[in-house]
Amino acid sequence: MADFTIEGGLVINSSAALQAVSNIGRKIDEMFVKLNKPIDFDTKPAEEDLKRLAKEADTIEVNAKVGKIDLPDAPKGGFLDGIGGSLAGLVSPAGLATAGIAALGAGLAATFEIGKEFETGLQAVSAVTGVTGSALEDIGDRAQNLAAQFGGSAKEQLEVFQTTLSKIGPQLAQDSGALTTFAENVNVLSKTDSALGAAGAVDALTGAMLQFGVNVNDSNEVARESGRFINVLAASAAVGSASVSDVAGAIAVVGATAKNANVSFEETNAALQVLASKSLTGSQAGTALTAVVNKLQSASGPAAAQLKKMGTSSEELGKILTTQGIGPAMEKLKGGMDTLGSTSEKNAFLVSLFGETGVNAAAALLSGGEQLKEFTKGVTGTTAATDQAAINMATLSERISRGTAALQNIAIDTYRVLAPILSSVIGVISDAFGKVQAAIAPIFTKLTKTFGEVF
């Protein structure tokens, strides 16, 4: 948003001016709530006063010309199409003032609030990425489009972009197509689990991808893998009892360990669902599975000695784990444990090998070998996230959410057109008052009463 410049070098801060306009809007909103009926804001007296002000200023030869006003491009489509051109004729002190007061009278306080929130979010994205100008405007447009497509608000979508670029890296902003694909996948994932929301979904997806070593410097890989990851997460929730939120919480703990052991994202999800069948979920499941993966590769003391008696070793189990996966490694361990005697003897061995942290998870995986295979197959190569999102988005509440987003987008577009004008209104009037106050004191007094906190 451009600052307002008075000829001669005086620059008026447009943000402060717009805040004053917004304050009036909020007061009008508060009155509306109290009265519970439409408010008839009579703008005619104020308009007449402003016209007289302009005339008086001309008489005493006060030059209050607008140096430059940068009007944004008109929004494409809808009832705002072409509004920028029609507003161009208002670029004069009296014309701008009339337009500004009329906007307040039209009840645009909510529009200003929505627009300001969007503008603040856009600047936050800029601060993280260094993107400015037309490229930043493009991100704003994409955020609005995503809100219209998935519901929520454009401000929430900007937060998705901000979190994504903070965690994946600002380099992703250089590939607008990949960034949009990633953001779309975040939104699809958010529709598979109502507990996630857009903020939870972007944390879940970025966290999983970072834990499993996706190359964040390759935008094509980021875009492609984001699609794979959301489908695995959604399919995981479908085949087992742990939700996407639960699985994401577990992966935040065990992800890097699984990646280092060369365990696939698919089998990690399947293993977590096996644990969920034994009521181990979230970070607790992640901690337990971490213990299992680590101990399979690093047995020591009595546990190592017992493995040797069973005809195997942590070296062999670790090799099977890193080349074939968790399932085959646990199968090998199970075969060795068949040489042990009683159940209590087997349980004692499991405690010695996996410790109290991992013993329950190890027992679940040892008894759930077939389940692990089924779950791994069930989460591989699916379109579960897209399918689930399509079903969930067909509800009335989701349709209302998308409709609300569309209305908010209109408010944002309106704000982007009117904000420079309203900034200039306040700048022109304030400067003019400062120069001719002594000559037109009665008008100044009346306008002060009319606008309250603006001046």
Protein backbone atom coordinates (compact mmCIF):
# COMPACT_ATOMS: atom_id res chain seq x y z
CA MET A 1 0.00 0.00 0.00
CA ALA A 2 1.50 3.36 -1.04
CA ASP A 3 1.95 6.18 1.46
CA PHE A 4 0.17 9.43 0.72
CA THR A 5 2.47 12.30 -0.32
CA ILE A 6 1.57 15.98 -0.11
CA GLU A 7 3.30 18.17 -2.65
CA GLY A 8 6.35 19.52 -0.92
CA GLY A 9 7.55 16.28 0.59
CA LEU A 10 5.15 15.54 3.45
CA VAL A 11 4.51 11.78 3.70
CA ILE A 12 1.52 10.45 5.65
CA ASN A 13 1.77 6.93 7.09
CA SER A 14 -1.09 5.05 5.46
CA SER A 15 -1.17 2.21 7.99
CA ALA A 16 -1.91 4.57 10.86
CA ALA A 17 -4.55 6.34 8.81
CA LEU A 18 -6.26 3.11 7.87
CA GLN A 19 -6.23 2.01 11.51
CA ALA A 20 -8.17 5.15 12.35
CA VAL A 21 -10.71 4.33 9.64
CA SER A 22 -10.99 0.80 11.01
CA ASN A 23 -11.60 2.14 14.52
CA ILE A 24 -14.67 3.98 13.28
CA GLY A 25 -15.82 0.81 11.56
CA ARG A 26 -15.59 -1.17 14.75
CA LYS A 27 -17.59 1.44 16.65
CA ILE A 28 -20.28 1.22 13.99
CA ASP A 29 -20.26 -2.56 14.31
CA GLU A 30 -20.63 -2.30 18.09
CA MET A 31 -23.60 0.01 17.71
CA PHE A 32 -25.13 -2.42 15.25
CA VAL A 33 -24.88 -5.25 17.76
CA LYS A 34 -26.46 -3.17 20.51
CA LEU A 35 -29.30 -1.88 18.40
CA ASN A 36 -29.79 -5.14 16.50
CA LYS A 37 -30.91 -3.21 13.47
CA PRO A 38 -29.30 -1.53 10.44
CA ILE A 39 -27.60 1.78 11.12
CA ASP A 40 -28.41 4.72 8.92
CA PHE A 41 -25.13 6.59 8.72
CA ASP A 42 -25.89 9.94 7.15
CA THR A 43 -22.86 10.97 5.11
CA LYS A 44 -24.38 14.03 3.44
CA PRO A 45 -23.38 16.60 6.10
CA ALA A 46 -19.83 15.36 6.09
CA GLU A 47 -19.67 15.36 2.30
CA GLU A 48 -20.96 18.92 2.20
CA ASP A 49 -18.43 20.03 4.79
CA LEU A 50 -15.61 18.47 2.81
CA LYS A 51 -16.72 20.20 -0.37
CA ARG A 52 -16.76 23.51 1.49
CA LEU A 53 -13.34 22.70 2.88
CA ALA A 54 -11.96 22.16 -0.59
CA LYS A 55 -13.49 25.42 -1.76
CA GLU A 56 -12.05 27.39 1.18
CA ALA A 57 -8.66 25.83 0.55
CA ASP A 58 -8.74 26.97 -3.04
CA THR A 59 -9.73 30.47 -1.98
CA ILE A 60 -6.73 30.97 0.26
CA GLU A 61 -4.49 29.25 -2.33
CA VAL A 62 -3.50 26.25 -0.22
CA ASN A 63 -2.07 23.60 -2.47
CA ALA A 64 -3.03 20.13 -1.19
CA LYS A 65 -2.60 18.16 -4.35
CA VAL A 66 -2.10 14.41 -4.30
CA GLY A 67 1.42 13.62 -5.44
CA LYS A 68 0.80 10.04 -6.48
CA ILE A 69 -1.64 7.27 -5.69
CA ASP A 70 -0.93 3.71 -6.83
CA LEU A 71 -4.27 2.04 -7.44
CA PRO A 72 -4.06 -1.76 -7.57
CA ASP A 73 -5.16 -3.64 -10.63
CA ALA A 74 -8.86 -4.34 -10.66
CA PRO A 75 -9.81 -7.85 -9.53
CA LYS A 76 -10.59 -10.15 -12.40
CA GLY A 77 -14.21 -11.24 -12.65
CA GLY A 78 -17.18 -10.67 -10.34
CA PHE A 79 -18.94 -7.44 -9.56
CA LEU A 80 -15.61 -5.71 -8.84
CA ASP A 81 -14.39 -6.16 -12.40
CA GLY A 82 -13.32 -2.78 -13.76
CA ILE A 83 -13.73 -0.92 -10.49
CA GLY A 84 -10.17 0.37 -10.61
CA GLY A 85 -10.90 2.38 -13.74
CA SER A 86 -14.05 3.92 -12.35
CA LEU A 87 -12.25 4.93 -9.15
CA ALA A 88 -9.53 6.72 -11.07
CA GLY A 89 -11.83 9.74 -11.45
CA LEU A 90 -11.94 10.16 -7.67
CA VAL A 91 -8.28 11.12 -7.38
CA SER A 92 -8.73 14.61 -5.94
CA PRO A 93 -9.00 15.77 -2.34
CA ALA A 94 -12.74 16.37 -2.45
CA GLY A 95 -13.48 13.29 -4.56
CA LEU A 96 -11.38 11.00 -2.42
CA ALA A 97 -12.90 12.34 0.77
CA THR A 98 -16.41 11.77 -0.52
CA ALA A 99 -15.53 8.22 -1.57
CA GLY A 100 -13.92 7.47 1.78
CA ILE A 101 -16.87 8.66 3.85
CA ALA A 102 -19.30 6.84 1.58
CA ALA A 103 -17.29 3.64 2.11
CA LEU A 104 -17.62 3.99 5.88
CA GLY A 105 -21.32 4.65 5.50
CA ALA A 106 -21.67 1.50 3.43
CA GLY A 107 -20.68 -0.61 6.45
CA LEU A 108 -17.28 -1.78 5.28
CA ALA A 109 -15.73 -2.10 8.72
CA ALA A 110 -15.66 -5.90 8.45
CA THR A 111 -14.12 -5.62 4.99
CA PHE A 112 -11.30 -3.50 6.35
CA GLU A 113 -10.61 -5.97 9.16
CA ILE A 114 -10.49 -8.95 6.78
CA GLY A 115 -8.34 -6.99 4.35
CA LYS A 116 -5.94 -5.85 7.05
CA GLU A 117 -5.52 -9.41 8.34
CA PHE A 118 -4.79 -10.59 4.82
CA GLU A 119 -2.30 -7.78 4.23
CA THR A 120 -0.53 -8.55 7.51
CA GLY A 121 -0.32 -12.24 6.59
CA LEU A 122 1.09 -11.39 3.18
CA GLN A 123 3.79 -9.23 4.72
CA ALA A 124 4.67 -12.08 7.11
CA VAL A 125 5.23 -14.35 4.09
CA SER A 126 7.41 -11.65 2.56
CA ALA A 127 9.47 -11.39 5.74
CA VAL A 128 10.17 -15.14 5.69
CA THR A 129 10.89 -15.49 1.98
CA GLY A 130 12.14 -12.09 0.87
CA VAL A 131 9.55 -12.22 -1.91
CA THR A 132 8.09 -8.81 -2.81
CA GLY A 133 6.18 -7.05 -5.55
CA SER A 134 4.27 -9.02 -8.15
CA ALA A 135 5.63 -12.36 -6.89
CA LEU A 136 4.21 -11.64 -3.43
CA GLU A 137 0.91 -10.59 -4.94
CA ASP A 138 0.87 -13.90 -6.80
CA ILE A 139 1.20 -15.78 -3.50
CA GLY A 140 -1.69 -13.71 -2.17
CA ASP A 141 -3.82 -14.64 -5.17
CA ARG A 142 -2.97 -18.32 -4.70
CA ALA A 143 -3.96 -18.11 -1.05
CA GLN A 144 -7.34 -16.68 -2.01
CA ASN A 145 -7.84 -19.39 -4.63
CA LEU A 146 -7.01 -22.14 -2.11
CA ALA A 147 -9.47 -20.68 0.39
CA ALA A 148 -12.21 -20.67 -2.24
CA GLN A 149 -11.34 -24.26 -3.18
CA PHE A 150 -10.98 -25.76 0.30
CA GLY A 151 -12.73 -23.34 2.66
CA GLY A 152 -11.33 -21.58 5.67
CA SER A 153 -9.84 -18.18 4.91
CA ALA A 154 -7.15 -16.67 2.73
CA LYS A 155 -5.35 -15.61 5.92
CA GLU A 156 -5.14 -19.27 7.01
CA GLN A 157 -3.76 -20.18 3.59
CA LEU A 158 -1.09 -17.51 3.92
CA GLU A 159 -0.13 -19.12 7.22
CA VAL A 160 0.21 -22.43 5.36
CA PHE A 161 2.58 -20.76 2.91
CA GLN A 162 4.50 -19.10 5.74
CA THR A 163 4.94 -22.34 7.71
CA THR A 164 5.85 -24.27 4.57
CA LEU A 165 8.50 -21.79 3.52
CA SER A 166 9.84 -21.53 7.08
CA LYS A 167 10.32 -25.31 7.36
CA ILE A 168 10.97 -26.43 3.79
CA GLY A 169 12.89 -23.28 2.95
CA PRO A 170 12.25 -20.03 1.05
CA GLN A 171 13.72 -21.57 -2.11
CA LEU A 172 10.38 -23.31 -2.70
CA ALA A 173 8.83 -19.88 -3.33
CA GLN A 174 10.92 -19.65 -6.50
CA ASP A 175 8.82 -22.44 -8.03
CA SER A 176 5.24 -21.22 -7.76
CA GLY A 177 3.85 -24.40 -9.30
CA ALA A 178 5.57 -26.66 -6.76
CA LEU A 179 4.58 -24.36 -3.90
CA THR A 180 0.95 -24.44 -4.98
CA THR A 181 0.98 -28.23 -5.36
CA PHE A 182 2.41 -28.60 -1.88
CA ALA A 183 -0.17 -26.19 -0.43
CA GLU A 184 -2.98 -28.05 -2.20
CA ASN A 185 -1.74 -31.33 -0.70
CA VAL A 186 -1.67 -29.74 2.75
CA ASN A 187 -5.31 -28.77 2.31
CA VAL A 188 -6.28 -32.22 1.04
CA LEU A 189 -4.63 -33.77 4.10
CA SER A 190 -6.46 -31.35 6.39
CA LYS A 191 -9.77 -32.65 5.06
CA THR A 192 -8.95 -36.25 5.99
CA ASP A 193 -8.83 -35.52 9.74
CA SER A 194 -11.02 -32.83 11.29
CA ALA A 195 -8.61 -32.52 14.23
CA LEU A 196 -5.83 -31.31 11.96
CA GLY A 197 -7.02 -28.16 10.25
CA ALA A 198 -4.72 -26.44 7.78
CA ALA A 199 -2.17 -25.53 10.46
CA GLY A 200 -1.98 -29.09 11.80
CA ALA A 201 -1.79 -30.55 8.31
CA VAL A 202 1.15 -28.39 7.25
CA ASP A 203 3.00 -29.31 10.45
CA ALA A 204 2.26 -33.01 9.94
CA LEU A 205 3.32 -33.04 6.30
CA THR A 206 6.44 -30.90 6.60
CA GLY A 207 7.51 -32.78 9.72
CA ALA A 208 7.14 -36.19 8.08
CA MET A 209 8.93 -35.13 4.91
CA LEU A 210 11.83 -33.60 6.81
CA GLN A 211 12.11 -36.64 9.11
CA PHE A 212 12.30 -38.97 6.12
CA GLY A 213 14.88 -36.89 4.29
CA VAL A 214 13.01 -35.46 1.30
CA ASN A 215 15.40 -33.23 -0.64
CA VAL A 216 13.97 -29.79 0.09
CA ASN A 217 16.27 -28.17 -2.47
CA ASP A 218 14.52 -30.04 -5.28
CA SER A 219 11.12 -28.38 -5.69
CA ASN A 220 9.89 -31.13 -8.01
CA GLU A 221 10.72 -33.77 -5.40
CA VAL A 222 8.99 -31.74 -2.70
CA ALA A 223 5.83 -31.44 -4.79
CA ARG A 224 5.86 -35.10 -5.86
CA GLU A 225 6.64 -36.56 -2.44
CA SER A 226 4.06 -34.38 -0.71
CA GLY A 227 1.40 -36.20 -2.73
CA ARG A 228 2.79 -39.59 -1.78
CA PHE A 229 3.09 -38.71 1.92
CA ILE A 230 -0.47 -37.42 2.31
CA ASN A 231 -1.87 -40.54 0.68
CA VAL A 232 0.17 -42.82 2.94
CA LEU A 233 -0.95 -40.90 6.04
CA ALA A 234 -4.59 -41.00 5.01
CA ALA A 235 -4.45 -44.68 4.02
CA SER A 236 -2.75 -45.45 7.32
CA ALA A 237 -5.66 -43.95 9.24
CA ALA A 238 -8.04 -45.95 7.06
CA VAL A 239 -6.44 -49.37 7.60
CA GLY A 240 -5.77 -48.94 11.31
CA SER A 241 -7.21 -47.24 14.37
CA ALA A 242 -4.72 -44.36 14.79
CA SER A 243 -5.81 -41.07 13.22
CA VAL A 244 -3.63 -38.94 10.96
CA SER A 245 -2.98 -36.69 13.95
CA ASP A 246 -1.88 -39.70 16.05
CA VAL A 247 0.41 -41.01 13.33
CA ALA A 248 1.91 -37.57 12.71
CA GLY A 249 2.65 -37.27 16.43
CA ALA A 250 4.42 -40.63 16.42
CA ILE A 251 6.41 -39.88 13.26
CA ALA A 252 7.66 -36.66 14.84
CA VAL A 253 9.46 -38.93 17.33
CA VAL A 254 10.44 -42.02 15.33
CA GLY A 255 10.75 -40.65 11.79
CA ALA A 256 14.46 -39.88 11.73
CA THR A 257 15.31 -43.19 13.41
CA ALA A 258 13.26 -45.12 10.86
CA LYS A 259 14.85 -43.19 8.00
CA ASN A 260 18.35 -43.90 9.32
CA ALA A 261 17.49 -47.61 9.50
CA ASN A 262 16.25 -47.45 5.89
CA VAL A 263 12.68 -48.31 6.94
CA SER A 264 10.19 -46.93 4.43
CA PHE A 265 7.59 -44.32 5.27
CA GLU A 266 4.95 -46.87 4.32
CA GLU A 267 6.17 -49.61 6.66
CA THR A 268 6.69 -47.09 9.47
CA ASN A 269 3.04 -46.08 9.16
CA ALA A 270 1.98 -49.73 9.10
CA ALA A 271 4.06 -50.52 12.20
CA LEU A 272 2.51 -47.58 14.05
CA GLN A 273 -0.95 -48.90 13.21
CA VAL A 274 0.02 -52.32 14.59
CA LEU A 275 1.01 -50.58 17.81
CA ALA A 276 -2.25 -48.63 17.80
CA SER A 277 -4.11 -51.95 17.82
CA LYS A 278 -2.50 -52.45 21.25
CA SER A 279 -3.44 -48.91 22.40
CA LEU A 280 0.00 -47.43 21.73
CA THR A 281 -0.53 -44.17 19.84
CA GLY A 282 0.97 -40.72 19.30
CA SER A 283 4.34 -39.82 20.79
CA GLN A 284 4.17 -42.89 23.07
CA ALA A 285 4.07 -45.13 20.01
CA GLY A 286 6.88 -43.14 18.41
CA THR A 287 9.08 -43.55 21.47
CA ALA A 288 8.37 -47.28 21.70
CA LEU A 289 9.04 -47.96 18.02
CA THR A 290 12.27 -45.96 18.26
CA ALA A 291 13.44 -48.29 21.01
CA VAL A 292 12.60 -51.36 18.92
CA VAL A 293 14.43 -50.12 15.82
CA ASN A 294 17.50 -49.08 17.79
CA LYS A 295 17.75 -52.22 19.92
CA LEU A 296 17.41 -54.55 16.95
CA GLN A 297 20.70 -53.06 15.73
CA SER A 298 22.57 -52.65 19.01
CA ALA A 299 21.98 -55.43 21.52
CA SER A 300 24.55 -55.69 24.29
CA GLY A 301 25.29 -57.62 27.49
CA PRO A 302 22.97 -60.50 28.40
CA ALA A 303 20.64 -59.72 25.48
CA ALA A 304 23.50 -60.08 22.98
CA ALA A 305 24.56 -63.33 24.60
CA GLN A 306 21.03 -64.68 24.44
CA LEU A 307 20.73 -63.74 20.75
CA LYS A 308 23.91 -65.73 20.09
CA LYS A 309 22.39 -68.79 21.82
CA MET A 310 19.31 -68.34 19.62
CA GLY A 311 21.48 -68.52 16.50
CA THR A 312 21.43 -64.86 15.53
CA SER A 313 22.89 -61.49 16.51
CA SER A 314 22.09 -57.78 16.47
CA GLU A 315 24.41 -57.48 13.48
CA GLU A 316 22.28 -59.95 11.53
CA LEU A 317 18.99 -58.47 12.74
CA GLY A 318 20.23 -54.97 11.90
CA LYS A 319 21.19 -56.02 8.39
CA ILE A 320 17.79 -57.60 7.80
CA LEU A 321 16.11 -54.48 9.20
CA THR A 322 17.99 -52.05 6.97
CA THR A 323 17.70 -54.13 3.81
CA GLN A 324 14.31 -55.83 4.14
CA GLY A 325 12.39 -53.92 6.79
CA ILE A 326 10.88 -54.27 10.24
CA GLY A 327 8.68 -57.25 9.37
CA PRO A 328 11.43 -59.63 8.23
CA ALA A 329 13.69 -58.58 11.13
CA MET A 330 10.95 -59.36 13.68
CA GLU A 331 10.23 -62.67 11.91
CA LYS A 332 13.87 -63.65 12.30
CA LEU A 333 13.78 -62.71 15.98
CA LYS A 334 10.55 -64.64 16.49
CA GLY A 335 12.11 -67.75 14.98
CA GLY A 336 15.01 -67.54 17.41
CA MET A 337 12.69 -67.03 20.38
CA ASP A 338 10.93 -70.30 19.57
CA THR A 339 13.98 -72.02 21.03
CA LEU A 340 13.25 -70.48 24.41
CA GLY A 341 11.12 -72.32 26.95
CA SER A 342 8.26 -70.73 28.87
CA THR A 343 6.39 -67.56 28.18
CA SER A 344 8.02 -65.91 31.19
CA GLU A 345 11.45 -66.73 29.79
CA LYS A 346 10.52 -65.13 26.50
CA ASN A 347 9.17 -62.06 28.24
CA ALA A 348 12.34 -61.73 30.29
CA PHE A 349 14.40 -61.84 27.11
CA LEU A 350 12.26 -59.14 25.45
CA VAL A 351 12.74 -56.85 28.48
CA SER A 352 16.49 -57.43 28.41
CA LEU A 353 16.68 -56.66 24.68
CA PHE A 354 14.20 -53.80 24.25
CA GLY A 355 13.93 -52.42 27.78
CA GLU A 356 10.72 -51.32 29.42
CA THR A 357 10.29 -48.59 26.80
CA GLY A 358 10.18 -50.92 23.81
CA VAL A 359 9.00 -54.26 25.18
CA ASN A 360 5.28 -53.77 24.54
CA ALA A 361 5.87 -52.47 21.01
CA ALA A 362 8.18 -55.42 20.28
CA ALA A 363 5.58 -57.89 21.56
CA ALA A 364 2.91 -56.27 19.37
CA LEU A 365 5.11 -56.51 16.28
CA LEU A 366 6.12 -60.09 17.00
CA SER A 367 2.49 -61.19 17.24
CA GLY A 368 1.28 -58.92 14.46
CA GLY A 369 3.47 -59.99 11.57
CA GLU A 370 0.62 -60.69 9.17
CA GLN A 371 -1.16 -57.52 10.19
CA LEU A 372 2.01 -55.53 9.47
CA LYS A 373 2.18 -57.01 5.97
CA GLU A 374 -1.48 -56.20 5.30
CA PHE A 375 -1.15 -52.66 6.60
CA THR A 376 2.02 -52.02 4.57
CA LYS A 377 0.26 -53.19 1.43
CA GLY A 378 -2.80 -51.11 2.30
CA VAL A 379 -0.91 -47.83 2.59
CA THR A 380 1.22 -48.25 -0.53
CA GLY A 381 0.35 -46.62 -3.84
CA THR A 382 -3.12 -45.34 -2.95
CA THR A 383 -5.12 -42.16 -3.54
CA ALA A 384 -6.65 -42.35 -0.08
CA ALA A 385 -6.16 -38.69 0.85
CA THR A 386 -7.82 -37.41 -2.31
CA ASP A 387 -10.66 -39.89 -1.98
CA GLN A 388 -11.30 -39.13 1.70
CA ALA A 389 -11.11 -35.39 1.15
CA ALA A 390 -13.66 -35.55 -1.67
CA ILE A 391 -16.11 -37.37 0.59
CA ASN A 392 -15.58 -35.09 3.58
CA MET A 393 -15.81 -31.92 1.50
CA ALA A 394 -19.27 -32.88 0.22
CA THR A 395 -20.86 -32.03 3.58
CA LEU A 396 -23.00 -28.95 4.15
CA SER A 397 -20.58 -27.44 6.65
CA GLU A 398 -17.73 -27.68 4.15
CA ARG A 399 -19.84 -26.05 1.46
CA ILE A 400 -20.68 -23.23 3.85
CA SER A 401 -16.98 -22.86 4.65
CA ARG A 402 -16.13 -22.50 0.97
CA GLY A 403 -18.97 -20.03 0.49
CA THR A 404 -17.72 -17.97 3.41
CA ALA A 405 -14.22 -17.99 1.93
CA ALA A 406 -15.60 -16.70 -1.37
CA LEU A 407 -17.29 -13.79 0.42
CA GLN A 408 -14.12 -13.02 2.34
CA ASN A 409 -12.22 -12.99 -0.95
CA ILE A 410 -14.61 -10.31 -2.19
CA ALA A 411 -13.88 -8.33 0.97
CA ILE A 412 -10.13 -8.70 0.37
CA ASP A 413 -10.45 -7.58 -3.24
CA THR A 414 -12.54 -4.61 -2.13
CA TYR A 415 -9.98 -3.69 0.50
CA ARG A 416 -7.13 -3.86 -2.00
CA VAL A 417 -8.96 -1.37 -4.21
CA LEU A 418 -10.17 1.01 -1.51
CA ALA A 419 -7.20 1.02 0.88
CA PRO A 420 -5.04 3.43 -1.15
CA ILE A 421 -8.01 5.74 -1.60
CA LEU A 422 -8.93 5.78 2.08
CA SER A 423 -5.31 6.36 3.04
CA SER A 424 -5.20 9.35 0.78
CA VAL A 425 -8.52 10.66 2.10
CA ILE A 426 -7.20 10.89 5.62
CA GLY A 427 -3.85 12.25 4.49
CA VAL A 428 -5.37 15.01 2.38
CA ILE A 429 -7.87 16.09 5.00
CA SER A 430 -5.36 16.06 7.85
CA ASP A 431 -2.82 18.10 5.90
CA ALA A 432 -5.40 20.54 4.66
CA PHE A 433 -6.67 21.10 8.20
CA GLY A 434 -3.16 21.80 9.40
CA LYS A 435 -2.72 24.55 6.79
CA VAL A 436 -6.07 26.30 6.90
CA GLN A 437 -7.28 25.62 10.44
CA ALA A 438 -7.20 29.26 11.46
CA ALA A 439 -9.15 30.34 8.39
CA ILE A 440 -11.85 27.68 8.58
CA ALA A 441 -12.07 26.87 12.29
CA PRO A 442 -15.86 26.29 12.25
CA ILE A 443 -15.53 23.63 9.54
CA PHE A 444 -12.66 21.99 11.38
CA THR A 445 -14.67 21.79 14.59
CA LYS A 446 -17.68 20.30 12.86
CA LEU A 447 -15.64 17.68 11.02
CA THR A 448 -13.84 16.73 14.20
CA LYS A 449 -17.17 15.96 15.82
CA THR A 450 -18.26 14.03 12.75
CA PHE A 451 -15.22 11.74 12.52
CA GLY A 452 -14.14 11.48 16.16
CA GLU A 453 -10.91 9.59 16.48
CA VAL A 454 -9.87 9.91 12.83
CA PHE A 455 -8.36 13.31 13.47
